[in-house]
């Protein structure tokens, strides 16, 4: 398949490929130059816990989350 680079430097992934690979707006890709005129493009998978740190840092009060004391397994 062929595509065209826009005046903004954007490349459109054809709809057929987007549908086959479930590519959605906002998905991230990595582009690497292999040699002059040859490039590779690969989808970057997001970490499963993406946004967790931001969510935890947004807690309303410092020390909002407290460790849960664990019970020893020595007595089992």
N, C-alpha and C. Protein backbone atom coordinates (compact mmCIF):
# COMPACT_ATOMS: atom_id res chain seq x y z
N UNK A 1 0.83 -1.18 0.00
CA UNK A 1 0.00 0.00 0.00
C UNK A 1 0.88 1.24 0.00
N UNK A 2 0.35 2.28 -0.56
CA UNK A 2 1.07 3.55 -0.57
C UNK A 2 0.28 4.60 0.17
N UNK A 3 0.98 5.57 0.69
CA UNK A 3 0.37 6.71 1.35
C UNK A 3 1.20 7.94 1.02
N UNK A 4 0.71 9.10 1.38
CA UNK A 4 1.38 10.36 1.05
C UNK A 4 1.69 11.12 2.33
N UNK A 5 2.83 11.76 2.38
CA UNK A 5 3.18 12.62 3.51
C UNK A 5 2.47 13.96 3.30
N UNK A 6 1.78 14.44 4.35
CA UNK A 6 1.06 15.70 4.25
C UNK A 6 2.03 16.88 4.37
N UNK A 7 1.50 18.08 4.17
CA UNK A 7 2.34 19.28 4.31
C UNK A 7 2.80 19.47 5.74
N UNK A 8 2.13 18.83 6.68
CA UNK A 8 2.54 18.89 8.09
C UNK A 8 3.51 17.75 8.45
N UNK A 9 3.87 16.93 7.49
CA UNK A 9 4.79 15.82 7.74
C UNK A 9 4.11 14.58 8.28
N UNK A 10 2.79 14.53 8.21
CA UNK A 10 2.04 13.39 8.74
C UNK A 10 1.86 12.32 7.67
N UNK A 11 1.87 11.08 8.13
CA UNK A 11 1.64 9.94 7.25
C UNK A 11 0.36 9.26 7.71
N UNK A 12 -0.55 9.00 6.78
CA UNK A 12 -1.81 8.35 7.10
C UNK A 12 -1.65 6.85 6.91
N UNK A 13 -2.06 6.09 7.93
CA UNK A 13 -2.09 4.64 7.80
C UNK A 13 -3.45 4.30 7.16
N UNK A 14 -3.45 3.60 6.04
CA UNK A 14 -4.70 3.31 5.35
C UNK A 14 -5.73 2.63 6.26
N UNK A 15 -7.00 2.95 6.04
CA UNK A 15 -8.10 2.46 6.87
C UNK A 15 -8.11 0.93 6.97
N UNK A 16 -7.82 0.27 5.87
CA UNK A 16 -7.82 -1.21 5.87
C UNK A 16 -6.85 -1.75 6.91
N UNK A 17 -5.65 -1.18 6.98
CA UNK A 17 -4.66 -1.63 7.96
C UNK A 17 -5.07 -1.24 9.38
N UNK A 18 -5.63 -0.04 9.55
CA UNK A 18 -6.08 0.38 10.87
C UNK A 18 -7.15 -0.56 11.41
N UNK A 19 -8.06 -0.97 10.56
CA UNK A 19 -9.13 -1.89 11.00
C UNK A 19 -8.57 -3.27 11.32
N UNK A 20 -7.70 -3.78 10.46
CA UNK A 20 -7.13 -5.12 10.68
C UNK A 20 -6.34 -5.21 11.98
N UNK A 21 -5.62 -4.14 12.33
CA UNK A 21 -4.75 -4.15 13.51
C UNK A 21 -5.31 -3.37 14.69
N UNK A 22 -6.59 -2.99 14.61
CA UNK A 22 -7.25 -2.24 15.70
C UNK A 22 -6.44 -1.02 16.12
N UNK A 23 -5.98 -0.25 15.15
CA UNK A 23 -5.24 0.97 15.43
C UNK A 23 -6.24 2.08 15.69
N UNK A 24 -6.08 2.74 16.83
CA UNK A 24 -7.01 3.78 17.26
C UNK A 24 -6.30 5.12 17.36
N UNK A 25 -7.06 6.21 17.29
CA UNK A 25 -6.44 7.53 17.50
C UNK A 25 -5.73 7.57 18.85
N UNK A 26 -4.54 8.12 18.86
CA UNK A 26 -3.76 8.20 20.09
C UNK A 26 -2.76 7.08 20.26
N UNK A 27 -2.88 5.99 19.46
CA UNK A 27 -1.88 4.92 19.54
C UNK A 27 -0.52 5.49 19.17
N UNK A 28 0.52 4.98 19.81
CA UNK A 28 1.86 5.50 19.58
C UNK A 28 2.66 4.52 18.72
N UNK A 29 3.53 5.10 17.89
CA UNK A 29 4.37 4.31 17.01
C UNK A 29 5.81 4.80 17.09
N UNK A 30 6.73 3.90 16.84
CA UNK A 30 8.14 4.24 16.79
C UNK A 30 8.60 4.10 15.34
N UNK A 31 9.29 5.11 14.85
CA UNK A 31 9.82 5.06 13.49
C UNK A 31 11.34 5.05 13.56
N UNK A 32 11.96 4.10 12.88
CA UNK A 32 13.42 4.02 12.86
C UNK A 32 13.91 4.10 11.41
N UNK A 33 14.99 4.82 11.24
CA UNK A 33 15.62 4.88 9.92
C UNK A 33 16.55 3.68 9.80
N UNK A 34 16.34 2.89 8.78
CA UNK A 34 17.18 1.72 8.54
C UNK A 34 18.38 2.13 7.70
N UNK A 35 18.09 2.80 6.60
CA UNK A 35 19.12 3.39 5.74
C UNK A 35 18.43 4.46 4.93
N UNK A 36 19.15 5.16 4.11
CA UNK A 36 18.58 6.25 3.33
C UNK A 36 17.37 5.77 2.52
N UNK A 37 16.22 6.36 2.79
CA UNK A 37 15.01 6.01 2.06
C UNK A 37 14.28 4.79 2.57
N UNK A 38 14.77 4.15 3.62
CA UNK A 38 14.12 2.95 4.15
C UNK A 38 13.90 3.12 5.65
N UNK A 39 12.65 2.90 6.08
CA UNK A 39 12.26 3.11 7.47
C UNK A 39 11.42 1.94 7.95
N UNK A 40 11.37 1.76 9.26
CA UNK A 40 10.44 0.78 9.84
C UNK A 40 9.54 1.52 10.81
N UNK A 41 8.30 1.05 10.91
CA UNK A 41 7.34 1.64 11.83
C UNK A 41 6.78 0.51 12.68
N UNK A 42 6.67 0.75 13.99
CA UNK A 42 6.23 -0.30 14.91
C UNK A 42 5.38 0.34 16.00
N UNK A 43 4.27 -0.30 16.32
CA UNK A 43 3.41 0.21 17.39
C UNK A 43 4.11 0.03 18.74
N UNK A 44 4.03 1.03 19.57
CA UNK A 44 4.61 0.98 20.92
C UNK A 44 3.49 0.59 21.88
N UNK A 45 3.67 -0.51 22.56
CA UNK A 45 2.66 -0.97 23.51
C UNK A 45 2.78 -0.15 24.80
N UNK A 46 1.65 0.29 25.31
CA UNK A 46 1.62 1.03 26.56
C UNK A 46 1.78 0.05 27.72
N UNK A 47 2.41 0.51 28.78
CA UNK A 47 2.55 -0.31 29.98
C UNK A 47 1.16 -0.58 30.57
N UNK A 48 0.93 -1.79 31.10
CA UNK A 48 -0.40 -2.09 31.64
C UNK A 48 -0.78 -1.19 32.81
N UNK A 49 0.20 -0.63 33.52
CA UNK A 49 -0.11 0.24 34.66
C UNK A 49 0.05 1.72 34.31
N UNK A 50 -0.08 2.04 33.02
CA UNK A 50 0.06 3.42 32.57
C UNK A 50 -0.91 4.32 33.34
N UNK A 51 -0.41 5.39 33.87
CA UNK A 51 -1.24 6.35 34.59
C UNK A 51 -1.38 6.06 36.07
N UNK A 52 -0.90 4.92 36.53
CA UNK A 52 -1.04 4.56 37.94
C UNK A 52 -0.29 5.54 38.84
N UNK A 53 0.93 5.89 38.47
CA UNK A 53 1.71 6.83 39.28
C UNK A 53 1.01 8.17 39.37
N UNK A 54 0.51 8.68 38.25
CA UNK A 54 -0.21 9.95 38.28
C UNK A 54 -1.43 9.87 39.18
N UNK A 55 -2.15 8.75 39.12
CA UNK A 55 -3.33 8.58 39.95
C UNK A 55 -2.96 8.57 41.43
N UNK A 56 -1.90 7.84 41.76
CA UNK A 56 -1.48 7.78 43.16
C UNK A 56 -0.99 9.13 43.66
N UNK A 57 -0.28 9.87 42.80
CA UNK A 57 0.23 11.18 43.19
C UNK A 57 -0.90 12.20 43.36
N UNK A 58 -2.06 11.93 42.78
CA UNK A 58 -3.19 12.84 42.88
C UNK A 58 -4.04 12.59 44.12
N UNK A 59 -3.61 11.69 44.99
CA UNK A 59 -4.37 11.41 46.21
C UNK A 59 -4.52 12.69 47.02
N UNK A 60 -5.67 12.86 47.67
CA UNK A 60 -5.97 14.12 48.34
C UNK A 60 -5.10 14.43 49.55
N UNK A 61 -4.58 13.43 50.21
CA UNK A 61 -3.83 13.65 51.45
C UNK A 61 -2.55 12.84 51.42
N UNK A 62 -1.48 13.45 51.90
CA UNK A 62 -0.21 12.71 52.00
C UNK A 62 -0.42 11.49 52.90
N UNK A 63 0.18 10.40 52.56
CA UNK A 63 0.05 9.13 53.29
C UNK A 63 -1.38 8.61 53.28
N UNK A 64 -2.14 8.94 52.23
CA UNK A 64 -3.52 8.47 52.09
C UNK A 64 -3.56 6.95 52.07
N UNK A 65 -2.61 6.37 51.35
CA UNK A 65 -2.53 4.91 51.30
C UNK A 65 -1.57 4.43 52.39
N UNK A 66 -2.01 3.49 53.16
CA UNK A 66 -1.22 2.94 54.25
C UNK A 66 -0.93 1.47 53.96
N UNK A 67 0.26 1.02 54.36
CA UNK A 67 0.54 -0.41 54.16
C UNK A 67 -0.39 -1.27 55.01
N UNK A 68 -0.73 -2.41 54.49
CA UNK A 68 -1.58 -3.35 55.22
C UNK A 68 -0.66 -4.31 55.96
N UNK A 69 -0.81 -4.40 57.29
CA UNK A 69 0.04 -5.33 58.01
C UNK A 69 -0.24 -6.76 57.55
N UNK A 70 0.81 -7.48 57.29
CA UNK A 70 0.60 -8.86 56.84
C UNK A 70 0.77 -9.81 58.02
N UNK A 71 0.09 -10.91 57.91
CA UNK A 71 0.19 -11.92 58.97
C UNK A 71 1.30 -12.89 58.61
N UNK A 72 1.97 -13.36 59.58
CA UNK A 72 3.05 -14.31 59.36
C UNK A 72 2.48 -15.66 58.95
N UNK A 73 3.18 -16.33 58.08
CA UNK A 73 2.76 -17.69 57.69
C UNK A 73 3.47 -18.74 58.53
N UNK A 74 4.29 -18.30 59.49
CA UNK A 74 5.02 -19.24 60.32
C UNK A 74 4.10 -20.11 61.18
N UNK A 75 2.94 -19.56 61.52
CA UNK A 75 2.03 -20.31 62.42
C UNK A 75 1.04 -21.20 61.67
N UNK A 76 1.10 -21.20 60.35
CA UNK A 76 0.16 -22.04 59.60
C UNK A 76 0.57 -23.47 59.55
